Amino acid sequence: MQLLNQISGQFDVTFDHGILSATGQVSDFPSMTQSLIATILRVNDLILTKQ
């Protein structure tokens, strides 16, 4: 759990109750989307490495 919080913190994404979320202004939507996707990919890589 701590590792997931650390990964999400690197991309300014919140991990709370198993949900990844990015909040901000509408004008920041493209960068928030990019951050959320990058976080998902990093967590997926972590899962695949564990297997």
PDB file of N, CA and C in Angstrom:
ATOM      1  N   MET A   1       0.821  -1.186   0.000  1.00  0.00           N
ATOM      2  CA  MET A   1       0.000   0.000   0.000  1.00  0.00           C
ATOM      3  C   MET A   1       0.869   1.255   0.000  1.00  0.00           C
ATOM      4  N   GLN A   2       1.939   1.217   0.770  1.00  0.00           N
ATOM      5  CA  GLN A   2       2.828   2.366   0.831  1.00  0.00           C
ATOM      6  C   GLN A   2       3.477   2.618  -0.522  1.00  0.00           C
ATOM      7  N   LEU A   3       3.820   1.561  -1.235  1.00  0.00           N
ATOM      8  CA  LEU A   3       4.431   1.709  -2.554  1.00  0.00           C
ATOM      9  C   LEU A   3       3.456   2.337  -3.540  1.00  0.00           C
ATOM     10  N   LEU A   4       2.195   1.957  -3.474  1.00  0.00           N
ATOM     11  CA  LEU A   4       1.187   2.559  -4.350  1.00  0.00           C
ATOM     12  C   LEU A   4       1.010   4.043  -4.041  1.00  0.00           C
ATOM     13  N   ASN A   5       1.026   4.396  -2.784  1.00  0.00           N
ATOM     14  CA  ASN A   5       0.932   5.810  -2.409  1.00  0.00           C
ATOM     15  C   ASN A   5       2.153   6.590  -2.894  1.00  0.00           C
ATOM     16  N   GLN A   6       3.319   5.963  -2.827  1.00  0.00           N
ATOM     17  CA  GLN A   6       4.542   6.619  -3.290  1.00  0.00           C
ATOM     18  C   GLN A   6       4.496   6.830  -4.807  1.00  0.00           C
ATOM     19  N   ILE A   7       4.068   5.822  -5.546  1.00  0.00           N
ATOM     20  CA  ILE A   7       3.970   5.936  -7.008  1.00  0.00           C
ATOM     21  C   ILE A   7       2.959   7.012  -7.381  1.00  0.00           C
ATOM     22  N   SER A   8       1.803   6.995  -6.760  1.00  0.00           N
ATOM     23  CA  SER A   8       0.779   7.987  -7.104  1.00  0.00           C
ATOM     24  C   SER A   8       1.234   9.394  -6.725  1.00  0.00           C
ATOM     25  N   GLY A   9       2.005   9.521  -5.662  1.00  0.00           N
ATOM     26  CA  GLY A   9       2.513  10.820  -5.262  1.00  0.00           C
ATOM     27  C   GLY A   9       3.506  11.404  -6.252  1.00  0.00           C
ATOM     28  N   GLN A  10       4.231  10.544  -6.952  1.00  0.00           N
ATOM     29  CA  GLN A  10       5.192  11.006  -7.954  1.00  0.00           C
ATOM     30  C   GLN A  10       4.496  11.720  -9.109  1.00  0.00           C
ATOM     31  N   PHE A  11       3.254  11.357  -9.365  1.00  0.00           N
ATOM     32  CA  PHE A  11       2.523  11.898 -10.501  1.00  0.00           C
ATOM     33  C   PHE A  11       1.376  12.823 -10.079  1.00  0.00           C
ATOM     34  N   ASP A  12       1.365  13.249  -8.828  1.00  0.00           N
ATOM     35  CA  ASP A  12       0.297  14.107  -8.292  1.00  0.00           C
ATOM     36  C   ASP A  12      -1.088  13.486  -8.476  1.00  0.00           C
ATOM     37  N   VAL A  13      -1.166  12.190  -8.252  1.00  0.00           N
ATOM     38  CA  VAL A  13      -2.419  11.442  -8.339  1.00  0.00           C
ATOM     39  C   VAL A  13      -2.725  10.932  -6.938  1.00  0.00           C
ATOM     40  N   THR A  14      -3.989  10.897  -6.582  1.00  0.00           N
ATOM     41  CA  THR A  14      -4.413  10.433  -5.265  1.00  0.00           C
ATOM     42  C   THR A  14      -4.840   8.971  -5.342  1.00  0.00           C
ATOM     43  N   PHE A  15      -4.370   8.174  -4.380  1.00  0.00           N
ATOM     44  CA  PHE A  15      -4.792   6.779  -4.255  1.00  0.00           C
ATOM     45  C   PHE A  15      -5.511   6.652  -2.931  1.00  0.00           C
ATOM     46  N   ASP A  16      -6.841   6.493  -2.992  1.00  0.00           N
ATOM     47  CA  ASP A  16      -7.643   6.450  -1.774  1.00  0.00           C
ATOM     48  C   ASP A  16      -8.706   5.378  -1.909  1.00  0.00           C
ATOM     49  N   HIS A  17      -8.728   4.444  -0.977  1.00  0.00           N
ATOM     50  CA  HIS A  17      -9.696   3.339  -0.964  1.00  0.00           C
ATOM     51  C   HIS A  17      -9.671   2.559  -2.278  1.00  0.00           C
ATOM     52  N   GLY A  18      -8.474   2.355  -2.836  1.00  0.00           N
ATOM     53  CA  GLY A  18      -8.331   1.562  -4.050  1.00  0.00           C
ATOM     54  C   GLY A  18      -8.676   2.297  -5.332  1.00  0.00           C
ATOM     55  N   ILE A  19      -8.842   3.610  -5.261  1.00  0.00           N
ATOM     56  CA  ILE A  19      -9.224   4.399  -6.439  1.00  0.00           C
ATOM     57  C   ILE A  19      -8.135   5.429  -6.725  1.00  0.00           C
ATOM     58  N   LEU A  20      -7.664   5.449  -7.967  1.00  0.00           N
ATOM     59  CA  LEU A  20      -6.732   6.480  -8.411  1.00  0.00           C
ATOM     60  C   LEU A  20      -7.536   7.646  -8.958  1.00  0.00           C
ATOM     61  N   SER A  21      -7.175   8.867  -8.560  1.00  0.00           N
ATOM     62  CA  SER A  21      -7.882  10.030  -9.076  1.00  0.00           C
ATOM     63  C   SER A  21      -6.930  11.216  -9.181  1.00  0.00           C
ATOM     64  N   ALA A  22      -7.241  12.074 -10.133  1.00  0.00           N
ATOM     65  CA  ALA A  22      -6.481  13.311 -10.322  1.00  0.00           C
ATOM     66  C   ALA A  22      -7.473  14.461 -10.282  1.00  0.00           C
ATOM     67  N   THR A  23      -7.161  15.479  -9.511  1.00  0.00           N
ATOM     68  CA  THR A  23      -8.050  16.633  -9.418  1.00  0.00           C
ATOM     69  C   THR A  23      -7.295  17.892  -9.807  1.00  0.00           C
ATOM     70  N   GLY A  24      -8.027  18.838 -10.348  1.00  0.00           N
ATOM     71  CA  GLY A  24      -7.420  20.100 -10.738  1.00  0.00           C
ATOM     72  C   GLY A  24      -8.378  20.931 -11.563  1.00  0.00           C
ATOM     73  N   GLN A  25      -7.850  21.931 -12.206  1.00  0.00           N
ATOM     74  CA  GLN A  25      -8.633  22.829 -13.047  1.00  0.00           C
ATOM     75  C   GLN A  25      -8.914  22.173 -14.405  1.00  0.00           C
ATOM     76  N   VAL A  26      -9.994  22.592 -15.029  1.00  0.00           N
ATOM     77  CA  VAL A  26     -10.360  22.071 -16.346  1.00  0.00           C
ATOM     78  C   VAL A  26      -9.241  22.349 -17.356  1.00  0.00           C
ATOM     79  N   SER A  27      -8.580  23.476 -17.219  1.00  0.00           N
ATOM     80  CA  SER A  27      -7.499  23.813 -18.146  1.00  0.00           C
ATOM     81  C   SER A  27      -6.301  22.871 -18.012  1.00  0.00           C
ATOM     82  N   ASP A  28      -6.193  22.170 -16.876  1.00  0.00           N
ATOM     83  CA  ASP A  28      -5.113  21.209 -16.648  1.00  0.00           C
ATOM     84  C   ASP A  28      -5.497  19.778 -17.010  1.00  0.00           C
ATOM     85  N   PHE A  29      -6.660  19.613 -17.639  1.00  0.00           N
ATOM     86  CA  PHE A  29      -7.158  18.272 -17.932  1.00  0.00           C
ATOM     87  C   PHE A  29      -6.164  17.410 -18.710  1.00  0.00           C
ATOM     88  N   PRO A  30      -5.518  17.914 -19.771  1.00  0.00           N
ATOM     89  CA  PRO A  30      -4.573  17.059 -20.506  1.00  0.00           C
ATOM     90  C   PRO A  30      -3.422  16.550 -19.635  1.00  0.00           C
ATOM     91  N   SER A  31      -2.861  17.401 -18.803  1.00  0.00           N
ATOM     92  CA  SER A  31      -1.751  16.961 -17.958  1.00  0.00           C
ATOM     93  C   SER A  31      -2.229  16.030 -16.841  1.00  0.00           C
ATOM     94  N   MET A  32      -3.436  16.250 -16.334  1.00  0.00           N
ATOM     95  CA  MET A  32      -3.985  15.347 -15.314  1.00  0.00           C
ATOM     96  C   MET A  32      -4.236  13.977 -15.909  1.00  0.00           C
ATOM     97  N   THR A  33      -4.737  13.946 -17.145  1.00  0.00           N
ATOM     98  CA  THR A  33      -4.977  12.677 -17.825  1.00  0.00           C
ATOM     99  C   THR A  33      -3.661  11.937 -18.033  1.00  0.00           C
ATOM    100  N   GLN A  34      -2.642  12.663 -18.467  1.00  0.00           N
ATOM    101  CA  GLN A  34      -1.323  12.068 -18.678  1.00  0.00           C
ATOM    102  C   GLN A  34      -0.765  11.511 -17.368  1.00  0.00           C
ATOM    103  N   SER A  35      -0.916  12.246 -16.293  1.00  0.00           N
ATOM    104  CA  SER A  35      -0.434  11.786 -14.984  1.00  0.00           C
ATOM    105  C   SER A  35      -1.169  10.532 -14.535  1.00  0.00           C
ATOM    106  N   LEU A  36      -2.467  10.500 -14.751  1.00  0.00           N
ATOM    107  CA  LEU A  36      -3.256   9.335 -14.357  1.00  0.00           C
ATOM    108  C   LEU A  36      -2.852   8.107 -15.168  1.00  0.00           C
ATOM    109  N   ILE A  37      -2.663   8.285 -16.460  1.00  0.00           N
ATOM    110  CA  ILE A  37      -2.241   7.166 -17.314  1.00  0.00           C
ATOM    111  C   ILE A  37      -0.849   6.686 -16.917  1.00  0.00           C
ATOM    112  N   ALA A  38       0.065   7.611 -16.651  1.00  0.00           N
ATOM    113  CA  ALA A  38       1.418   7.229 -16.245  1.00  0.00           C
ATOM    114  C   ALA A  38       1.400   6.442 -14.932  1.00  0.00           C
ATOM    115  N   THR A  39       0.551   6.848 -14.004  1.00  0.00           N
ATOM    116  CA  THR A  39       0.427   6.128 -12.735  1.00  0.00           C
ATOM    117  C   THR A  39      -0.109   4.720 -12.961  1.00  0.00           C
ATOM    118  N   ILE A  40      -1.134   4.606 -13.792  1.00  0.00           N
ATOM    119  CA  ILE A  40      -1.716   3.286 -14.084  1.00  0.00           C
ATOM    120  C   ILE A  40      -0.666   2.376 -14.716  1.00  0.00           C
ATOM    121  N   LEU A  41       0.110   2.905 -15.644  1.00  0.00           N
ATOM    122  CA  LEU A  41       1.148   2.097 -16.294  1.00  0.00           C
ATOM    123  C   LEU A  41       2.224   1.667 -15.305  1.00  0.00           C
ATOM    124  N   ARG A  42       2.612   2.560 -14.410  1.00  0.00           N
ATOM    125  CA  ARG A  42       3.638   2.217 -13.418  1.00  0.00           C
ATOM    126  C   ARG A  42       3.131   1.132 -12.465  1.00  0.00           C
ATOM    127  N   VAL A  43       1.884   1.241 -12.031  1.00  0.00           N
ATOM    128  CA  VAL A  43       1.318   0.218 -11.148  1.00  0.00           C
ATOM    129  C   VAL A  43       1.189  -1.108 -11.897  1.00  0.00           C
ATOM    130  N   ASN A  44       0.791  -1.056 -13.158  1.00  0.00           N
ATOM    131  CA  ASN A  44       0.698  -2.275 -13.958  1.00  0.00           C
ATOM    132  C   ASN A  44       2.064  -2.927 -14.104  1.00  0.00           C
ATOM    133  N   ASP A  45       3.100  -2.150 -14.347  1.00  0.00           N
ATOM    134  CA  ASP A  45       4.457  -2.688 -14.437  1.00  0.00           C
ATOM    135  C   ASP A  45       4.856  -3.355 -13.133  1.00  0.00           C
ATOM    136  N   LEU A  46       4.493  -2.754 -12.017  1.00  0.00           N
ATOM    137  CA  LEU A  46       4.793  -3.324 -10.713  1.00  0.00           C
ATOM    138  C   LEU A  46       4.098  -4.676 -10.543  1.00  0.00           C
ATOM    139  N   ILE A  47       2.856  -4.764 -10.951  1.00  0.00           N
ATOM    140  CA  ILE A  47       2.109  -6.021 -10.843  1.00  0.00           C
ATOM    141  C   ILE A  47       2.739  -7.099 -11.716  1.00  0.00           C
ATOM    142  N   LEU A  48       3.105  -6.733 -12.952  1.00  0.00           N
ATOM    143  CA  LEU A  48       3.711  -7.708 -13.861  1.00  0.00           C
ATOM    144  C   LEU A  48       5.083  -8.159 -13.373  1.00  0.00           C
ATOM    145  N   THR A  49       5.832  -7.265 -12.749  1.00  0.00           N
ATOM    146  CA  THR A  49       7.142  -7.617 -12.213  1.00  0.00           C
ATOM    147  C   THR A  49       7.000  -8.598 -11.054  1.00  0.00           C
ATOM    148  N   LYS A  50       5.959  -8.434 -10.275  1.00  0.00           N
ATOM    149  CA  LYS A  50       5.731  -9.288  -9.111  1.00  0.00           C
ATOM    150  C   LYS A  50       5.423 -10.728  -9.525  1.00  0.00           C
ATOM    151  N   GLN A  51       4.832 -10.887 -10.687  1.00  0.00           N
ATOM    152  CA  GLN A  51       4.431 -12.237 -11.132  1.00  0.00           C
ATOM    153  C   GLN A  51       5.602 -12.972 -11.586  1.00  0.00           C
TER     154      GLN A  51
END
